[in-house]
Amino acid sequence: MDPNVYVVPPSYNEYELPPPPLYEPVPYTIPVKPPPPPYSSEVNTAQFGAGPPTRSSSWTHKKKICLISATVVCTVVAIGAALIIGFLVTKPSNTATCQIRCAYSSKCISPYQICDGTYDCIFGTDEDNCVTKSPSNPTCQIYCIYTFKCIYGYQICDGIRDCTYGDDENNCVTTRPTYCEKSCGSSPSCVLSSQWCDGVTQCPNGEDEMSCVRLYGADFQLQVYSPLKSAWLPVCSNNWNNDYGKLACQDFGYSRSSYNRSDTLPSTYSPNGYFQLNNGSWSSKFYTNVQYSSSCFSGNVVSLRCIRCGVSNNNVASRIVGGTNAALGNWPWQVSLRHSSGILCGGSIISPKWIVTAAHCVYGSSGIASDWKVFAGLLNLSNYYDSNGHLVEKIIAHPGYKDSNKDKDIALMKLRDEITFGYNTQPVCLPNSGMFWNAGTSCWISGWGTTSEKGTVSTTLKNAEVPLIDSKVCNQSSMYNGEITSSMICAGYRSGGVDTCQGDSGGPLVTKTSSIWWLVGDTSWGYGCARVNKPGVYGNMTTFLEWIYLQTRINS
């Protein structure tokens, strides 16, 4: 399929996408060696595995001699009593959430409790064979016995022997949780909620220590994740200033120069508590500058605007196929993406250097950044000259994108130079966590795509109004028959007549809430254009928030 065409070939009968396959969890069993029993002849050389093979003869070929003495009896009694106490005070944990068990005990511990300076196991085996962390390896959880190889938290009990003698895979439970509380994204590793944002890197690329701050709701409430409560908590405004606001915005990938402002909101009841600033603390990661508090003394929490967004400088005059010409300033976030081969796609400005578009626009050979230019701030395509285009530095398509059914159809473009904001160029607001729109919500689409199926592209930016359609309705057999996934959203009319079309791919689907324009979706696909029971399908932006912020941060 031509990457700029988000719809299927013209005839409905010639091409139908198969329904998405059912996904089932893959059984996962970690190969482990059980901990040695009390009084085993085996030498417990390390907490996480046996030592190298011995060169002595098998002990079974020798006569065992038992010398019973008062000392031995006392020792046996003492050890036995300690073991009994250990089993009594360490109640077995649910194996569905347990990652590691103490040697000689049923107590469950997490990888971050190993070599942390605290004896969590009854015989202190969680602190055996630890090496003092050096500045060059500040995130090592353990060091392999004999080889002293640095092992990170995410490598412990992951089913892979990273240590020569399997130190990192011993004393692990044999079943992995059926539900992954937090996934690393860059690897199949799972992290417990209590390990997310705890200051210790568990994921290979450190994702567990990156997505620790979020904005919630239409009032941009700042929240920080608490591993203690396994919940997102608001930030109390005590001692707050804009320096902390700029620091928090950097956790979203925004630059300090684009910072807008912070405000306060009346504190609503927060059953899990709050975060407040540590007096006099300053760290490059915002979430390490706050501490848990059961109450908020000021009675106000922080609202954070990292960038001025969602502002249209011209009211939409009327309610693309079936659309009308847009006015200058209506959609200042709309951009035209031009490929050297002639491919035309749309996109949305979300910051001075970042554009949201569709993954299918940049799929395959179309994913070379130097082949694209981004044009912003004009209505007429004839006014776009090469000198006006912004060069693209990097293209990042969602790793989960499937060209077969357009699942997770989103990509980001990073520009070499910043777009200068003005009357005709402004960013649209990404939806915040907790924001959802009901079926029937009025949205707007815009683009330079064809004005009819098999037609020619429009030289003038057009816009049209479309309502959101419930995904269950859109998945009915009369419409898309189960092809709509959770990363998609439908908008349009069952009667047809108004729709996006070829050339609009990647462009915005927006709605206005609380006087702000929000990016609800990016134009993805559909059967034909404006057909009956075949509305437009868009990428569901609320499902991509964490991925977008992670990419803009690590690529800033």
Protein backbone atom coordinates (compact mmCIF):
# COMPACT_ATOMS: atom_id res chain seq x y z
CA MET A 1 0.00 0.00 0.00
CA ASP A 2 1.22 3.47 -0.79
CA PRO A 3 2.35 4.79 2.62
CA ASN A 4 0.42 8.01 2.26
CA VAL A 5 -2.90 6.25 1.76
CA TYR A 6 -4.60 5.34 4.98
CA VAL A 7 -7.62 3.75 3.31
CA VAL A 8 -7.91 0.40 1.59
CA PRO A 9 -8.03 0.08 -2.23
CA PRO A 10 -11.16 1.54 -3.88
CA SER A 11 -13.36 -1.54 -3.98
CA TYR A 12 -14.67 -2.85 -0.69
CA ASN A 13 -15.08 -6.33 -2.16
CA GLU A 14 -11.49 -6.54 -3.39
CA TYR A 15 -9.83 -6.05 -0.05
CA GLU A 16 -10.84 -6.68 3.51
CA LEU A 17 -8.54 -6.73 6.46
CA PRO A 18 -8.77 -9.86 8.65
CA PRO A 19 -9.86 -9.34 12.24
CA PRO A 20 -6.99 -8.83 14.66
CA PRO A 21 -5.65 -12.11 16.08
CA LEU A 22 -6.45 -13.07 19.63
CA TYR A 23 -3.54 -12.58 21.92
CA GLU A 24 -2.86 -15.04 24.70
CA PRO A 25 -0.21 -14.77 27.36
CA VAL A 26 2.81 -16.95 26.64
CA PRO A 27 3.55 -19.40 29.44
CA TYR A 28 6.71 -18.37 31.22
CA THR A 29 8.76 -20.62 33.46
CA ILE A 30 12.07 -19.56 34.93
CA PRO A 31 14.62 -22.39 35.06
CA VAL A 32 15.83 -22.41 38.61
CA LYS A 33 17.82 -24.47 41.01
CA PRO A 34 16.01 -24.97 44.34
CA PRO A 35 17.77 -23.64 47.44
CA PRO A 36 19.83 -26.26 49.28
CA PRO A 37 18.01 -27.82 52.26
CA PRO A 38 19.29 -27.30 55.82
CA TYR A 39 22.41 -29.38 56.57
CA SER A 40 22.93 -30.20 52.90
CA SER A 41 26.33 -31.55 51.99
CA GLU A 42 26.34 -28.99 49.17
CA VAL A 43 28.36 -25.88 49.89
CA ASN A 44 26.26 -22.74 49.64
CA THR A 45 28.95 -20.58 48.07
CA ALA A 46 26.67 -17.72 47.07
CA GLN A 47 23.12 -16.62 47.46
CA PHE A 48 22.37 -16.90 43.78
CA GLY A 49 24.03 -20.18 42.83
CA ALA A 50 26.46 -22.96 43.52
CA GLY A 51 30.18 -22.57 43.10
CA PRO A 52 32.23 -24.07 40.29
CA PRO A 53 32.40 -27.88 40.03
CA THR A 54 34.66 -29.44 42.67
CA ARG A 55 37.68 -31.67 41.80
CA SER A 56 37.33 -34.01 44.76
CA SER A 57 35.93 -37.50 44.58
CA SER A 58 32.28 -38.07 45.21
CA TRP A 59 31.55 -38.07 48.93
CA THR A 60 29.27 -41.09 48.48
CA HIS A 61 32.35 -43.31 48.09
CA LYS A 62 33.55 -42.49 51.57
CA LYS A 63 32.40 -43.73 54.91
CA LYS A 64 30.61 -41.05 56.90
CA ILE A 65 31.69 -40.81 60.53
CA CYS A 66 29.38 -39.07 63.02
CA LEU A 67 30.89 -37.72 66.20
CA ILE A 68 28.17 -36.75 68.60
CA SER A 69 29.20 -34.19 71.13
CA ALA A 70 27.50 -31.59 73.27
CA THR A 71 28.76 -28.88 70.94
CA VAL A 72 27.24 -30.49 67.89
CA VAL A 73 23.93 -31.09 69.63
CA CYS A 74 23.74 -27.49 70.78
CA THR A 75 24.61 -26.26 67.32
CA VAL A 76 21.94 -28.43 65.70
CA VAL A 77 19.32 -27.35 68.22
CA ALA A 78 20.20 -23.68 67.77
CA ILE A 79 20.09 -23.86 63.98
CA GLY A 80 16.87 -25.87 64.06
CA ALA A 81 15.24 -23.34 66.35
CA ALA A 82 16.34 -20.51 64.10
CA LEU A 83 14.89 -22.25 61.07
CA ILE A 84 11.56 -22.83 62.82
CA ILE A 85 11.42 -19.19 63.83
CA GLY A 86 12.32 -18.20 60.29
CA PHE A 87 9.43 -20.16 58.83
CA LEU A 88 7.04 -18.79 61.44
CA VAL A 89 7.96 -15.14 60.99
CA THR A 90 8.27 -15.24 57.21
CA LYS A 91 4.81 -16.08 56.01
CA PRO A 92 4.87 -17.43 52.45
CA SER A 93 3.91 -14.82 49.87
CA ASN A 94 1.76 -15.34 46.86
CA THR A 95 3.95 -16.78 44.11
CA ALA A 96 2.04 -14.72 41.60
CA THR A 97 3.91 -11.64 42.78
CA CYS A 98 7.05 -13.14 44.37
CA GLN A 99 10.31 -12.87 42.46
CA ILE A 100 12.95 -14.26 44.86
CA ARG A 101 12.79 -16.37 48.03
CA CYS A 102 15.34 -16.30 50.81
CA ALA A 103 17.60 -19.34 51.08
CA TYR A 104 16.45 -21.67 53.93
CA SER A 105 13.21 -19.68 54.28
CA SER A 106 9.89 -19.08 52.57
CA LYS A 107 10.16 -15.30 52.79
CA CYS A 108 9.65 -13.47 49.51
CA ILE A 109 11.85 -10.50 48.61
CA SER A 110 12.27 -8.27 45.56
CA PRO A 111 15.54 -7.76 43.63
CA TYR A 112 15.93 -4.24 44.97
CA GLN A 113 16.20 -5.66 48.52
CA ILE A 114 19.37 -7.56 47.59
CA CYS A 115 22.61 -5.92 48.71
CA ASP A 116 20.76 -2.87 49.99
CA GLY A 117 22.47 -2.97 53.39
CA THR A 118 19.44 -4.38 55.21
CA TYR A 119 19.11 -8.02 56.31
CA ASP A 120 15.73 -9.02 54.91
CA CYS A 121 16.40 -12.79 55.05
CA ILE A 122 16.69 -14.50 58.44
CA PHE A 123 20.31 -15.58 57.88
CA GLY A 124 21.18 -12.42 55.95
CA THR A 125 21.66 -14.32 52.70
CA ASP A 126 20.30 -11.34 50.77
CA GLU A 127 23.45 -9.46 51.81
CA ASP A 128 25.98 -12.23 51.04
CA ASN A 129 28.65 -11.75 48.36
CA CYS A 130 27.83 -8.06 47.93
CA VAL A 131 30.50 -5.71 46.70
CA THR A 132 30.40 -2.03 47.59
CA LYS A 133 28.93 -0.08 44.70
CA SER A 134 31.43 2.13 42.96
CA PRO A 135 30.72 5.37 41.07
CA SER A 136 31.35 3.54 37.80
CA ASN A 137 28.62 0.99 38.57
CA PRO A 138 26.12 2.81 40.79
CA THR A 139 23.16 0.64 39.78
CA CYS A 140 24.64 -2.85 40.26
CA GLN A 141 22.37 -5.03 42.37
CA ILE A 142 24.83 -7.91 42.79
CA TYR A 143 28.21 -9.01 41.47
CA CYS A 144 28.65 -12.56 40.15
CA ILE A 145 30.62 -14.84 42.44
CA TYR A 146 34.20 -15.46 41.20
CA THR A 147 33.82 -13.23 38.11
CA PHE A 148 32.54 -10.07 39.84
CA LYS A 149 30.42 -9.23 36.81
CA CYS A 150 27.96 -6.38 37.45
CA ILE A 151 24.33 -7.57 37.46
CA TYR A 152 21.44 -5.09 37.27
CA GLY A 153 18.08 -5.52 38.92
CA TYR A 154 16.23 -6.43 35.73
CA GLN A 155 18.71 -9.30 35.10
CA ILE A 156 17.88 -11.11 38.35
CA CYS A 157 15.40 -13.99 37.92
CA ASP A 158 14.69 -13.11 34.28
CA GLY A 159 15.30 -16.68 33.08
CA ILE A 160 18.70 -15.85 31.55
CA ARG A 161 21.97 -16.95 33.17
CA ASP A 162 24.05 -13.77 33.15
CA CYS A 163 26.52 -15.12 35.71
CA THR A 164 28.83 -17.99 34.74
CA TYR A 165 27.48 -20.20 37.52
CA GLY A 166 23.90 -18.92 37.46
CA ASP A 167 24.15 -16.78 40.60
CA ASP A 168 21.49 -14.42 39.25
CA GLU A 169 18.96 -17.21 38.65
CA ASN A 170 19.03 -19.11 41.96
CA ASN A 171 16.29 -18.97 44.64
CA CYS A 172 13.78 -17.66 42.10
CA VAL A 173 10.17 -18.80 42.17
CA THR A 174 9.24 -21.02 39.24
CA THR A 175 6.22 -19.08 38.07
CA ARG A 176 6.08 -15.64 36.62
CA PRO A 177 3.14 -13.36 37.52
CA THR A 178 0.25 -13.93 35.14
CA TYR A 179 -0.29 -10.17 35.14
CA CYS A 180 2.63 -7.87 34.46
CA GLU A 181 2.22 -4.87 36.78
CA LYS A 182 4.71 -2.71 34.87
CA SER A 183 6.48 -3.64 31.64
CA CYS A 184 9.84 -2.23 30.65
CA GLY A 185 8.88 -1.62 27.04
CA SER A 186 12.38 -2.16 25.65
CA SER A 187 12.45 -5.75 26.94
CA PRO A 188 10.02 -8.45 28.10
CA SER A 189 11.03 -7.80 31.71
CA CYS A 190 8.28 -7.13 34.24
CA VAL A 191 8.71 -4.81 37.20
CA LEU A 192 6.61 -4.74 40.36
CA SER A 193 4.63 -1.58 41.04
CA SER A 194 6.65 -1.17 44.23
CA GLN A 195 9.84 -1.00 42.15
CA TRP A 196 8.60 1.67 39.74
CA CYS A 197 10.16 5.07 40.47
CA ASP A 198 11.99 3.78 43.55
CA GLY A 199 15.34 5.30 42.57
CA VAL A 200 16.81 1.94 41.50
CA THR A 201 17.02 1.09 37.79
CA GLN A 202 15.30 -2.23 37.00
CA CYS A 203 14.65 -1.96 33.24
CA PRO A 204 17.48 -2.24 30.68
CA ASN A 205 16.97 1.32 29.43
CA GLY A 206 15.79 2.72 32.75
CA GLU A 207 12.16 3.19 31.74
CA ASP A 208 11.06 2.38 35.28
CA GLU A 209 12.78 5.56 36.49
CA MET A 210 11.61 7.83 33.66
CA SER A 211 7.82 7.84 33.61
CA CYS A 212 7.44 8.97 37.21
CA VAL A 213 5.62 12.26 36.61
CA ARG A 214 2.34 12.90 34.82
CA LEU A 215 -0.31 15.55 34.22
CA TYR A 216 -3.86 14.59 35.09
CA GLY A 217 -7.17 15.88 33.76
CA ALA A 218 -8.15 19.00 31.88
CA ASP A 219 -6.74 21.21 34.66
CA PHE A 220 -3.19 19.79 34.24
CA GLN A 221 -2.82 18.56 37.83
CA LEU A 222 0.79 17.50 38.48
CA GLN A 223 1.12 13.99 39.92
CA VAL A 224 4.07 11.81 40.94
CA TYR A 225 4.04 8.02 41.18
CA SER A 226 4.48 6.57 44.68
CA PRO A 227 6.05 3.07 44.86
CA LEU A 228 5.05 3.02 48.53
CA LYS A 229 1.34 3.40 47.72
CA SER A 230 1.47 2.03 44.16
CA ALA A 231 -0.56 5.09 43.19
CA TRP A 232 -0.29 8.52 41.57
CA LEU A 233 -0.38 11.35 44.12
CA PRO A 234 -0.85 15.12 43.65
CA VAL A 235 1.95 17.52 44.57
CA CYS A 236 1.23 19.96 47.39
CA SER A 237 2.02 23.58 46.49
CA ASN A 238 4.00 24.27 49.68
CA ASN A 239 7.30 26.03 48.77
CA TRP A 240 6.58 25.57 45.05
CA ASN A 241 8.23 27.79 42.43
CA ASN A 242 8.71 27.79 38.65
CA ASP A 243 12.21 26.32 38.87
CA TYR A 244 10.62 23.10 40.07
CA GLY A 245 8.01 23.45 37.34
CA LYS A 246 10.66 23.65 34.61
CA LEU A 247 12.42 20.64 36.11
CA ALA A 248 9.21 18.60 36.14
CA CYS A 249 8.48 19.56 32.52
CA GLN A 250 11.87 18.21 31.47
CA ASP A 251 10.65 14.80 32.64
CA PHE A 252 8.07 15.04 29.83
CA GLY A 253 10.73 15.94 27.26
CA TYR A 254 9.89 19.66 27.12
CA SER A 255 12.69 22.21 27.07
CA ARG A 256 13.01 24.88 29.73
CA SER A 257 12.63 27.54 27.03
CA SER A 258 9.09 26.38 26.13
CA TYR A 259 7.90 26.43 29.76
CA ASN A 260 4.60 28.26 30.22
CA ARG A 261 3.52 28.48 33.86
CA SER A 262 2.36 26.70 37.01
CA ASP A 263 -0.80 27.42 38.99
CA THR A 264 -2.45 26.09 42.13
CA LEU A 265 -5.68 24.15 42.41
CA PRO A 266 -7.82 23.63 45.50
CA SER A 267 -6.85 20.26 46.92
CA THR A 268 -9.49 17.58 46.62
CA TYR A 269 -9.47 14.57 48.92
CA SER A 270 -6.53 12.28 48.15
CA PRO A 271 -7.00 9.03 50.12
CA ASN A 272 -3.44 7.85 49.43
CA GLY A 273 -1.82 11.12 50.49
CA TYR A 274 0.33 13.72 48.73
CA PHE A 275 3.86 14.57 47.73
CA GLN A 276 5.55 17.72 48.96
CA LEU A 277 8.93 19.27 48.23
CA ASN A 278 11.92 18.30 50.32
CA ASN A 279 13.19 21.47 51.93
CA GLY A 280 16.43 22.56 50.28
CA SER A 281 16.74 19.51 48.02
CA TRP A 282 17.62 19.73 44.34
CA SER A 283 18.09 16.80 41.98
CA SER A 284 18.05 16.54 38.20
CA LYS A 285 15.08 14.15 38.46
CA PHE A 286 12.05 16.00 39.74
CA TYR A 287 10.45 13.03 41.52
CA THR A 288 13.49 12.63 43.78
CA ASN A 289 12.89 16.16 45.12
CA VAL A 290 9.59 15.25 46.75
CA GLN A 291 8.63 13.16 49.75
CA TYR A 292 5.42 11.49 50.87
CA SER A 293 3.02 13.34 53.15
CA SER A 294 -0.33 12.21 54.50
CA SER A 295 -1.71 15.76 54.27
CA CYS A 296 -1.30 19.01 52.34
CA PHE A 297 -0.79 21.96 54.66
CA SER A 298 -1.45 24.68 52.06
CA GLY A 299 -4.70 23.10 50.89
CA ASN A 300 -3.60 23.57 47.27
CA VAL A 301 -1.94 21.30 44.73
CA VAL A 302 0.15 22.15 41.66
CA SER A 303 -1.23 22.60 38.15
CA LEU A 304 1.53 22.61 35.52
CA ARG A 305 1.49 24.00 31.97
CA CYS A 306 4.72 22.90 30.32
CA ILE A 307 3.86 24.62 27.06
CA ARG A 308 1.22 27.02 25.80
CA CYS A 309 -0.93 24.77 23.65
CA GLY A 310 -4.40 24.21 22.22
CA VAL A 311 -4.99 27.86 21.31
CA SER A 312 -6.73 28.58 18.01
CA ASN A 313 -6.53 32.17 16.86
CA ASN A 314 -9.64 32.11 14.72
CA ASN A 315 -13.09 30.74 15.52
CA VAL A 316 -14.21 27.85 13.35
CA ALA A 317 -16.77 29.25 10.94
CA SER A 318 -18.74 26.13 9.95
CA ARG A 319 -19.09 22.55 10.36
CA ILE A 320 -11.42 16.50 3.21
CA VAL A 321 -14.65 15.18 1.85
CA GLY A 322 -17.73 17.20 2.61
CA GLY A 323 -15.61 19.87 4.33
CA THR A 324 -15.02 23.57 3.86
CA ASN A 325 -11.93 25.71 3.45
CA ALA A 326 -10.15 26.51 6.71
CA ALA A 327 -9.32 30.05 7.74
CA LEU A 328 -5.84 31.23 8.67
CA GLY A 329 -5.23 30.49 12.34
CA ASN A 330 -8.01 27.87 12.66
CA TRP A 331 -5.63 24.96 13.02
CA PRO A 332 -2.17 26.41 13.76
CA TRP A 333 -0.82 22.96 14.73
CA GLN A 334 -1.57 21.45 11.31
CA VAL A 335 1.52 20.71 9.22
CA SER A 336 2.08 19.21 5.78
CA LEU A 337 4.69 16.47 5.48
CA ARG A 338 6.30 16.18 2.06
CA HIS A 339 8.46 13.22 1.01
CA SER A 340 11.03 13.50 -1.77
CA SER A 341 9.05 10.87 -3.71
CA GLY A 342 5.94 13.06 -3.62
CA ILE A 343 4.15 11.33 -0.73
CA LEU A 344 1.87 13.72 1.14
CA CYS A 345 0.86 13.26 4.77
CA GLY A 346 -0.37 15.46 7.60
CA GLY A 347 0.86 15.96 11.13
CA SER A 348 0.38 17.94 14.34
CA ILE A 349 2.81 20.21 16.20
CA ILE A 350 3.13 19.23 19.89
CA SER A 351 6.29 21.23 20.71
CA PRO A 352 8.80 23.42 18.84
CA LYS A 353 10.75 20.36 17.63
CA TRP A 354 8.23 17.49 17.67
CA ILE A 355 5.51 16.43 15.21
CA VAL A 356 2.95 13.65 15.68
CA THR A 357 1.98 11.74 12.54
CA ALA A 358 0.97 8.22 11.46
CA ALA A 359 3.43 5.31 11.44
CA HIS A 360 2.20 4.11 8.05
CA CYS A 361 3.40 7.39 6.51
CA VAL A 362 6.99 6.57 7.45
CA TYR A 363 6.81 2.78 7.09
CA GLY A 364 9.57 0.86 5.33
CA SER A 365 11.64 2.83 2.83
CA SER A 366 9.70 5.99 3.73
CA GLY A 367 11.33 6.06 7.16
CA ILE A 368 14.50 7.95 6.14
CA ALA A 369 14.44 11.29 7.94
CA SER A 370 16.43 13.20 5.31
CA ASP A 371 13.76 12.44 2.68
CA TRP A 372 11.12 14.49 4.51
CA LYS A 373 10.32 18.16 5.00
CA VAL A 374 7.73 19.66 7.32
CA PHE A 375 5.76 22.76 6.28
CA ALA A 376 3.90 24.81 8.89
CA GLY A 377 1.86 28.00 9.11
CA LEU A 378 0.25 28.26 5.67
CA LEU A 379 -3.09 27.35 4.14
CA ASN A 380 -2.24 26.90 0.46
CA LEU A 381 0.08 24.15 -0.74
CA SER A 382 1.21 26.31 -3.64
CA ASN A 383 2.88 28.61 -1.09
CA TYR A 384 5.08 25.80 0.22
CA TYR A 385 8.54 26.13 -1.30
CA ASP A 386 11.55 24.06 -0.34
CA SER A 387 13.06 27.04 1.47
CA ASN A 388 10.09 27.12 3.86
CA GLY A 389 10.37 23.51 4.93
CA HIS A 390 11.79 22.26 8.22
CA LEU A 391 14.34 19.46 7.91
CA VAL A 392 13.68 16.27 9.87
CA GLU A 393 16.42 15.00 12.20
CA LYS A 394 14.85 11.75 13.38
CA ILE A 395 11.78 9.59 12.80
CA ILE A 396 10.49 7.30 15.56
CA ALA A 397 7.66 4.92 14.66
CA HIS A 398 5.86 3.05 17.42
CA PRO A 399 7.60 -0.34 17.84
CA GLY A 400 4.21 -2.05 18.09
CA TYR A 401 2.95 -0.75 14.74
CA LYS A 402 1.49 -3.45 12.48
CA ASP A 403 1.15 -2.55 8.84
CA SER A 404 -1.29 -5.43 8.31
CA ASN A 405 -4.04 -3.86 10.41
CA LYS A 406 -2.64 -0.39 11.29
CA ASP A 407 -2.55 -1.16 15.01
CA LYS A 408 -0.58 1.46 17.00
CA ASP A 409 -0.38 3.71 13.96
CA ILE A 410 1.63 6.59 15.38
CA ALA A 411 5.07 8.07 14.78
CA LEU A 412 7.08 11.08 15.91
CA MET A 413 9.26 13.39 13.84
CA LYS A 414 12.00 15.40 15.51
CA LEU A 415 12.95 18.54 13.60
CA ARG A 416 16.51 19.82 13.23
CA ASP A 417 15.44 23.35 14.10
CA GLU A 418 12.59 24.64 16.22
CA ILE A 419 9.37 25.99 14.74
CA THR A 420 8.86 29.63 15.68
CA PHE A 421 5.41 29.98 17.20
CA GLY A 422 3.09 32.77 16.14
CA TYR A 423 -0.44 33.47 14.93
CA ASN A 424 -0.35 30.65 12.36
CA THR A 425 1.86 28.15 14.20
CA GLN A 426 0.97 26.82 17.65
CA PRO A 427 1.13 23.38 19.30
CA VAL A 428 -1.97 21.35 20.07
CA CYS A 429 -2.36 19.93 23.58
CA LEU A 430 -1.77 16.23 24.10
CA PRO A 431 -4.54 14.74 26.25
CA ASN A 432 -3.61 14.32 29.89
CA SER A 433 -4.00 11.09 31.84
CA GLY A 434 -7.58 10.48 32.91
CA MET A 435 -9.05 12.31 29.91
CA PHE A 436 -11.56 10.40 27.79
CA TRP A 437 -14.25 11.56 25.39
CA ASN A 438 -17.66 9.97 25.04
CA ALA A 439 -19.29 8.81 21.85
CA GLY A 440 -20.96 11.73 20.11
CA THR A 441 -18.30 14.24 21.17
CA SER A 442 -17.85 16.82 18.42
CA CYS A 443 -14.38 16.71 16.84
CA TRP A 444 -12.70 18.35 13.86
CA ILE A 445 -10.52 16.93 11.10
CA SER A 446 -8.31 18.91 8.73
CA GLY A 447 -5.90 18.32 5.86
CA TRP A 448 -4.97 18.73 2.21
CA GLY A 449 -6.11 15.23 1.20
CA THR A 450 -8.27 14.33 -1.78
CA THR A 451 -11.76 15.81 -1.73
CA SER A 452 -13.32 12.62 -3.09
CA GLU A 453 -12.41 8.96 -3.37
CA LYS A 454 -9.89 8.63 -6.24
CA GLY A 455 -9.92 12.42 -6.50
CA THR A 456 -7.08 14.94 -6.50
CA VAL A 457 -5.53 16.58 -3.46
CA SER A 458 -6.81 19.93 -2.28
CA THR A 459 -4.46 22.88 -2.65
CA THR A 460 -6.19 24.63 0.26
CA LEU A 461 -6.45 23.33 3.83
CA LYS A 462 -9.93 21.98 4.48
CA ASN A 463 -11.75 21.13 7.71
CA ALA A 464 -14.88 19.24 8.72
CA GLU A 465 -16.77 18.38 11.89
CA VAL A 466 -17.29 14.73 12.85
CA PRO A 467 -18.62 13.01 16.00
CA LEU A 468 -16.81 10.23 17.85
CA ILE A 469 -18.29 6.76 17.47
CA ASP A 470 -18.24 4.17 20.25
CA SER A 471 -15.69 1.44 19.49
CA LYS A 472 -18.26 -1.30 20.19
CA VAL A 473 -20.54 0.22 17.58
CA CYS A 474 -17.65 0.67 15.15
CA ASN A 475 -16.75 -3.01 15.60
CA GLN A 476 -20.22 -4.21 14.63
CA SER A 477 -20.42 -6.56 11.65
CA SER A 478 -22.11 -3.86 9.58
CA MET A 479 -19.16 -1.52 10.11
CA TYR A 480 -15.62 -2.80 10.78
CA ASN A 481 -16.48 -6.24 12.13
CA GLY A 482 -14.00 -6.42 15.02
CA GLU A 483 -11.04 -4.70 13.35
CA ILE A 484 -10.94 -1.74 15.75
CA THR A 485 -8.32 -2.27 18.46
CA SER A 486 -7.80 -0.37 21.71
CA SER A 487 -5.24 1.85 19.97
CA MET A 488 -7.88 3.05 17.49
CA ILE A 489 -10.86 5.36 17.65
CA CYS A 490 -13.65 5.96 15.10
CA ALA A 491 -15.14 9.29 14.06
CA GLY A 492 -17.63 10.21 11.37
CA TYR A 493 -21.20 9.53 10.30
CA ARG A 494 -22.79 6.15 9.67
CA SER A 495 -24.51 7.74 6.71
CA GLY A 496 -21.14 8.76 5.25
CA GLY A 497 -20.58 12.02 3.42
CA VAL A 498 -17.86 13.56 5.65
CA ASP A 499 -14.47 11.94 6.12
CA THR A 500 -10.72 12.20 5.81
CA CYS A 501 -9.22 10.75 2.64
CA GLN A 502 -5.94 9.98 0.86
CA GLY A 503 -3.31 12.56 1.78
CA ASP A 504 -4.83 13.37 5.18
CA SER A 505 -2.98 10.51 6.91
CA GLY A 506 -1.25 11.50 10.14
CA GLY A 507 -3.24 14.71 10.42
CA PRO A 508 -5.15 15.80 13.54
CA LEU A 509 -8.48 14.79 15.00
CA VAL A 510 -9.11 17.44 17.68
CA THR A 511 -11.82 18.50 20.11
CA LYS A 512 -12.34 21.54 22.32
CA THR A 513 -12.70 20.99 26.08
CA SER A 514 -12.37 23.66 28.79
CA SER A 515 -11.56 26.25 26.07
CA ILE A 516 -8.54 24.19 24.96
CA TRP A 517 -8.04 22.16 21.78
CA TRP A 518 -6.86 18.61 22.46
CA LEU A 519 -5.36 16.05 20.08
CA VAL A 520 -7.77 13.10 20.21
CA GLY A 521 -6.24 11.11 17.36
CA ASP A 522 -4.15 10.98 14.20
CA THR A 523 -5.71 10.07 10.85
CA SER A 524 -5.02 6.40 10.16
CA TRP A 525 -7.25 4.38 7.81
CA GLY A 526 -10.73 3.51 6.56
CA TYR A 527 -12.58 1.68 3.78
CA GLY A 528 -12.74 4.16 0.95
CA CYS A 529 -13.69 7.73 1.82
CA ALA A 530 -17.00 8.92 3.31
CA ARG A 531 -18.76 5.61 2.61
CA VAL A 532 -21.89 4.48 4.44
CA ASN A 533 -21.01 2.58 7.64
CA LYS A 534 -17.30 3.13 7.03
CA PRO A 535 -16.24 6.10 9.19
CA GLY A 536 -12.65 7.27 9.54
CA VAL A 537 -10.34 5.38 11.89
CA TYR A 538 -7.77 7.29 13.94
CA GLY A 539 -4.95 6.47 16.32
CA ASN A 540 -6.27 6.76 19.89
CA MET A 541 -3.93 9.35 21.40
CA THR A 542 -4.77 8.55 25.04
CA THR A 543 -3.12 5.14 24.62
CA PHE A 544 0.15 6.64 23.37
CA LEU A 545 0.86 9.28 26.04
CA GLU A 546 3.50 7.40 28.02
CA TRP A 547 5.29 6.34 24.84
CA ILE A 548 5.29 9.88 23.42
CA TYR A 549 6.71 11.44 26.58
CA LEU A 550 9.31 8.70 26.93
CA GLN A 551 10.53 9.25 23.36
CA THR A 552 10.62 13.04 23.57
CA ARG A 553 12.56 12.80 26.80
CA ILE A 554 15.22 10.27 25.83
CA ASN A 555 15.64 11.91 22.40
CA SER A 556 15.67 15.51 23.62
